[in-house]
Structures are given as structure tokens and as C-alpha cells.
Amino acid sequence: NRSYDKIRTLTGHSDSVLVLAYSPDGYVLASGSLDKTVIIWDAKNRCYDKIRILSGHSDRVSALAHSPDGCVLASVSLDKTVI
């Protein structure tokens, strides 16, 4: 059995987090929430500092995906948009 240690609790969303996506290189983590935002976190060296908050959806963020090269992040919402 493998055990895991808690690295850090990430705070910043004002409602429940629904989705997470790491970039292909593992240096960026994106979180999507019921609060209609995406937060970009610096995962390099496990620091997990908040880089940016992205807004633009009018409903919850339901999916996130990084492009294979990690340069583009797409977010999907129940408002029927992809940003």
C-alpha cells in the first residue's frame, strides 16, 4: 500500500472545486470551480503559488484540458462555452 503526504491546501475559489488538470510537464495545475473561475497554480518545485484567476464563464467550470505542448488551456462550462 502506498501512502501520500499532504503537500499544501490550495485556497482561492469561493465555491467547490470540480475539476483539476496538470500541464503535460507537470509545472502548472489548473482548477475549475462552481464559482465560474479557473485558477492557475505554479506546481513547479511543489510551491503551488497562485499565478492567475481566469473568468469569463457564466456557469460552473465542468472540464479542463491542456494542449499536448502545455501552451493552451481550455475550460468547458455548463454555460455551453469553451474558453
N, C-alpha and C. Protein backbone atom coordinates (compact mmCIF):
# COMPACT_ATOMS: atom_id res chain seq x y z
N ASN A 1 0.84 -1.19 0.00
CA ASN A 1 0.00 0.00 0.00
C ASN A 1 0.87 1.24 0.00
N ARG A 2 0.52 2.16 -0.85
CA ARG A 2 1.27 3.41 -0.95
C ARG A 2 0.58 4.48 -0.14
N SER A 3 1.35 5.25 0.59
CA SER A 3 0.77 6.36 1.35
C SER A 3 1.19 7.68 0.72
N TYR A 4 0.38 8.69 0.91
CA TYR A 4 0.63 10.01 0.33
C TYR A 4 0.63 11.04 1.44
N ASP A 5 1.50 12.02 1.28
CA ASP A 5 1.56 13.13 2.23
C ASP A 5 0.89 14.35 1.64
N LYS A 6 0.20 15.10 2.46
CA LYS A 6 -0.41 16.36 2.05
C LYS A 6 0.71 17.37 1.82
N ILE A 7 0.71 17.99 0.64
CA ILE A 7 1.74 18.97 0.31
C ILE A 7 1.32 20.35 0.80
N ARG A 8 0.12 20.74 0.42
CA ARG A 8 -0.37 22.07 0.75
C ARG A 8 -1.85 22.13 0.44
N THR A 9 -2.61 22.91 1.19
CA THR A 9 -4.01 23.16 0.89
C THR A 9 -4.07 24.43 0.04
N LEU A 10 -4.68 24.32 -1.13
CA LEU A 10 -4.78 25.46 -2.03
C LEU A 10 -6.12 26.15 -1.80
N THR A 11 -6.06 27.43 -1.57
CA THR A 11 -7.28 28.21 -1.35
C THR A 11 -7.35 29.34 -2.37
N GLY A 12 -8.56 29.70 -2.74
CA GLY A 12 -8.74 30.80 -3.68
C GLY A 12 -10.10 30.79 -4.34
N HIS A 13 -10.69 29.62 -4.49
CA HIS A 13 -12.03 29.55 -5.05
C HIS A 13 -13.05 29.89 -3.96
N SER A 14 -14.16 30.48 -4.38
CA SER A 14 -15.21 30.83 -3.42
C SER A 14 -16.30 29.77 -3.33
N ASP A 15 -16.15 28.69 -4.10
CA ASP A 15 -17.11 27.58 -4.07
C ASP A 15 -16.36 26.29 -4.36
N SER A 16 -17.06 25.19 -4.40
CA SER A 16 -16.44 23.88 -4.56
C SER A 16 -15.64 23.76 -5.85
N VAL A 17 -14.50 23.06 -5.77
CA VAL A 17 -13.68 22.76 -6.93
C VAL A 17 -14.20 21.47 -7.55
N LEU A 18 -14.42 21.50 -8.87
CA LEU A 18 -14.98 20.35 -9.58
C LEU A 18 -13.96 19.60 -10.41
N VAL A 19 -12.96 20.32 -10.97
CA VAL A 19 -12.02 19.69 -11.89
C VAL A 19 -10.60 20.21 -11.68
N LEU A 20 -9.64 19.34 -11.96
CA LEU A 20 -8.23 19.68 -11.91
C LEU A 20 -7.55 19.16 -13.16
N ALA A 21 -6.51 19.86 -13.62
CA ALA A 21 -5.72 19.38 -14.76
C ALA A 21 -4.29 19.88 -14.64
N TYR A 22 -3.36 18.94 -14.67
CA TYR A 22 -1.93 19.28 -14.71
C TYR A 22 -1.50 19.46 -16.16
N SER A 23 -0.58 20.39 -16.39
CA SER A 23 0.02 20.54 -17.71
C SER A 23 0.88 19.31 -17.99
N PRO A 24 1.17 19.04 -19.26
CA PRO A 24 1.96 17.86 -19.59
C PRO A 24 3.32 17.79 -18.90
N ASP A 25 3.94 18.94 -18.66
CA ASP A 25 5.25 18.94 -17.99
C ASP A 25 5.13 18.91 -16.47
N GLY A 26 3.90 19.01 -15.95
CA GLY A 26 3.67 18.97 -14.51
C GLY A 26 3.97 20.27 -13.78
N TYR A 27 4.28 21.33 -14.51
CA TYR A 27 4.66 22.59 -13.88
C TYR A 27 3.48 23.50 -13.57
N VAL A 28 2.32 23.21 -14.15
CA VAL A 28 1.14 24.06 -13.96
C VAL A 28 -0.05 23.16 -13.59
N LEU A 29 -0.80 23.60 -12.59
CA LEU A 29 -2.05 22.94 -12.21
C LEU A 29 -3.17 23.94 -12.41
N ALA A 30 -4.24 23.52 -13.03
CA ALA A 30 -5.43 24.37 -13.20
C ALA A 30 -6.58 23.75 -12.42
N SER A 31 -7.35 24.59 -11.74
CA SER A 31 -8.53 24.12 -11.01
C SER A 31 -9.75 24.90 -11.50
N GLY A 32 -10.86 24.18 -11.68
CA GLY A 32 -12.11 24.79 -12.11
C GLY A 32 -13.17 24.58 -11.05
N SER A 33 -14.05 25.56 -10.91
CA SER A 33 -14.95 25.58 -9.76
C SER A 33 -16.39 25.94 -10.10
N LEU A 34 -17.24 25.67 -9.11
CA LEU A 34 -18.62 26.14 -9.17
C LEU A 34 -18.70 27.67 -9.19
N ASP A 35 -17.62 28.34 -8.75
CA ASP A 35 -17.61 29.80 -8.72
C ASP A 35 -17.38 30.42 -10.11
N LYS A 36 -17.34 29.57 -11.16
CA LYS A 36 -17.25 30.00 -12.56
C LYS A 36 -15.85 30.47 -12.95
N THR A 37 -14.84 30.18 -12.14
CA THR A 37 -13.48 30.60 -12.43
C THR A 37 -12.54 29.41 -12.58
N VAL A 38 -11.41 29.69 -13.19
CA VAL A 38 -10.29 28.75 -13.28
C VAL A 38 -9.12 29.44 -12.59
N ILE A 39 -8.45 28.72 -11.71
CA ILE A 39 -7.24 29.26 -11.09
C ILE A 39 -6.05 28.46 -11.61
N ILE A 40 -5.02 29.20 -12.02
CA ILE A 40 -3.78 28.61 -12.49
C ILE A 40 -2.78 28.66 -11.34
N TRP A 41 -2.21 27.50 -11.02
CA TRP A 41 -1.27 27.36 -9.90
C TRP A 41 0.11 26.96 -10.42
N ASP A 42 1.14 27.49 -9.80
CA ASP A 42 2.52 27.14 -10.13
C ASP A 42 2.89 25.86 -9.39
N ALA A 43 2.93 24.75 -10.12
CA ALA A 43 3.22 23.46 -9.50
C ALA A 43 4.70 23.10 -9.56
N LYS A 44 5.48 23.92 -10.23
CA LYS A 44 6.93 23.66 -10.33
C LYS A 44 7.53 23.73 -8.93
N ASN A 45 8.35 22.80 -8.61
CA ASN A 45 9.01 22.71 -7.29
C ASN A 45 8.01 22.57 -6.15
N ARG A 46 6.78 22.18 -6.49
CA ARG A 46 5.72 21.94 -5.49
C ARG A 46 5.38 23.16 -4.65
N CYS A 47 5.55 24.37 -5.21
CA CYS A 47 5.24 25.57 -4.43
C CYS A 47 3.74 25.90 -4.47
N TYR A 48 3.08 25.63 -5.59
CA TYR A 48 1.63 25.83 -5.75
C TYR A 48 1.17 27.25 -5.42
N ASP A 49 1.96 28.24 -5.83
CA ASP A 49 1.52 29.63 -5.71
C ASP A 49 0.49 29.92 -6.79
N LYS A 50 -0.46 30.79 -6.47
CA LYS A 50 -1.49 31.18 -7.43
C LYS A 50 -0.86 32.10 -8.47
N ILE A 51 -1.00 31.73 -9.74
CA ILE A 51 -0.46 32.54 -10.83
C ILE A 51 -1.49 33.52 -11.35
N ARG A 52 -2.71 33.02 -11.59
CA ARG A 52 -3.74 33.86 -12.20
C ARG A 52 -5.11 33.26 -11.97
N ILE A 53 -6.12 34.12 -11.90
CA ILE A 53 -7.52 33.69 -11.86
C ILE A 53 -8.15 34.08 -13.20
N LEU A 54 -8.74 33.08 -13.87
CA LEU A 54 -9.38 33.32 -15.15
C LEU A 54 -10.89 33.30 -14.98
N SER A 55 -11.56 34.27 -15.58
CA SER A 55 -13.01 34.33 -15.51
C SER A 55 -13.56 34.47 -16.92
N GLY A 56 -14.86 34.38 -17.05
CA GLY A 56 -15.49 34.53 -18.35
C GLY A 56 -16.67 33.60 -18.55
N HIS A 57 -16.76 32.56 -17.73
CA HIS A 57 -17.91 31.66 -17.83
C HIS A 57 -19.06 32.22 -17.00
N SER A 58 -20.28 31.92 -17.42
CA SER A 58 -21.46 32.36 -16.66
C SER A 58 -22.09 31.21 -15.87
N ASP A 59 -21.45 30.05 -15.88
CA ASP A 59 -21.90 28.89 -15.10
C ASP A 59 -20.65 28.12 -14.67
N ARG A 60 -20.83 27.08 -13.90
CA ARG A 60 -19.70 26.31 -13.33
C ARG A 60 -18.76 25.78 -14.42
N VAL A 61 -17.50 25.66 -14.05
CA VAL A 61 -16.50 25.05 -14.92
C VAL A 61 -16.57 23.55 -14.73
N SER A 62 -16.79 22.81 -15.83
CA SER A 62 -17.02 21.38 -15.72
C SER A 62 -15.89 20.52 -16.26
N ALA A 63 -14.96 21.11 -17.02
CA ALA A 63 -13.83 20.33 -17.54
C ALA A 63 -12.69 21.27 -17.90
N LEU A 64 -11.48 20.74 -17.82
CA LEU A 64 -10.27 21.47 -18.19
C LEU A 64 -9.37 20.54 -18.99
N ALA A 65 -8.66 21.11 -19.97
CA ALA A 65 -7.70 20.30 -20.73
C ALA A 65 -6.57 21.18 -21.22
N HIS A 66 -5.34 20.70 -21.04
CA HIS A 66 -4.16 21.37 -21.59
C HIS A 66 -3.86 20.79 -22.97
N SER A 67 -3.35 21.63 -23.85
CA SER A 67 -2.87 21.14 -25.14
C SER A 67 -1.65 20.25 -24.90
N PRO A 68 -1.30 19.39 -25.84
CA PRO A 68 -0.15 18.50 -25.65
C PRO A 68 1.15 19.22 -25.34
N ASP A 69 1.33 20.43 -25.89
CA ASP A 69 2.56 21.17 -25.61
C ASP A 69 2.45 22.03 -24.34
N GLY A 70 1.27 22.05 -23.71
CA GLY A 70 1.07 22.78 -22.47
C GLY A 70 0.90 24.28 -22.63
N CYS A 71 0.84 24.76 -23.87
CA CYS A 71 0.74 26.21 -24.09
C CYS A 71 -0.68 26.75 -24.06
N VAL A 72 -1.67 25.88 -24.18
CA VAL A 72 -3.07 26.30 -24.21
C VAL A 72 -3.85 25.50 -23.17
N LEU A 73 -4.71 26.19 -22.45
CA LEU A 73 -5.63 25.55 -21.52
C LEU A 73 -7.05 25.87 -21.97
N ALA A 74 -7.87 24.84 -22.13
CA ALA A 74 -9.28 25.03 -22.49
C ALA A 74 -10.14 24.72 -21.28
N SER A 75 -11.15 25.55 -21.07
CA SER A 75 -12.11 25.29 -19.99
C SER A 75 -13.50 25.17 -20.60
N VAL A 76 -14.26 24.22 -20.07
CA VAL A 76 -15.62 23.95 -20.53
C VAL A 76 -16.57 24.26 -19.38
N SER A 77 -17.71 24.83 -19.73
CA SER A 77 -18.67 25.23 -18.71
C SER A 77 -20.07 24.74 -19.06
N LEU A 78 -20.90 24.68 -18.03
CA LEU A 78 -22.31 24.36 -18.26
C LEU A 78 -23.05 25.50 -18.94
N ASP A 79 -22.37 26.64 -19.15
CA ASP A 79 -22.98 27.73 -19.93
C ASP A 79 -22.86 27.47 -21.44
N LYS A 80 -22.36 26.27 -21.80
CA LYS A 80 -22.25 25.81 -23.18
C LYS A 80 -21.14 26.52 -23.95
N THR A 81 -20.09 26.96 -23.23
CA THR A 81 -18.96 27.60 -23.90
C THR A 81 -17.67 26.88 -23.58
N VAL A 82 -16.73 27.03 -24.50
CA VAL A 82 -15.35 26.60 -24.29
C VAL A 82 -14.49 27.84 -24.40
N ILE A 83 -13.68 28.08 -23.40
CA ILE A 83 -12.78 29.25 -23.41
C ILE A 83 -11.37 28.73 -23.35
